[in-house]
């Protein structure tokens, strides 16, 4: 199926407008009133959940090596998670994870 350029641009503009409206609706709705404390507690975990959902597949799914002892990315991620848990330092966590992956892949 081939799309001409105007159809492609209209599709991208429609998708962009839809995405904007979905995101803006939450900002608009939450800005109009008080957010319940229970909702605030739940919303605090959204960034960590989204980040985990983005990162975790890269640890367990490269080259179909899921949860095997030979999966270097999984071990590097585990080391980075331990560093994050113990230090709560983002830069140190990233550095430790990168160093662990480099050592494990070049060992």
Foldseek 3Di string as FASTA:
>chain_A
DDDDPVVVVVVVVVVVVVVVVVVVVVVVVPVVDPDDPVVVVVVVCVVVVVVCVVPVCVQAPDVNNGPDPLRQSVVLLVQLVVCCVVPVDPVVSVVSSVVSSVVSVVD
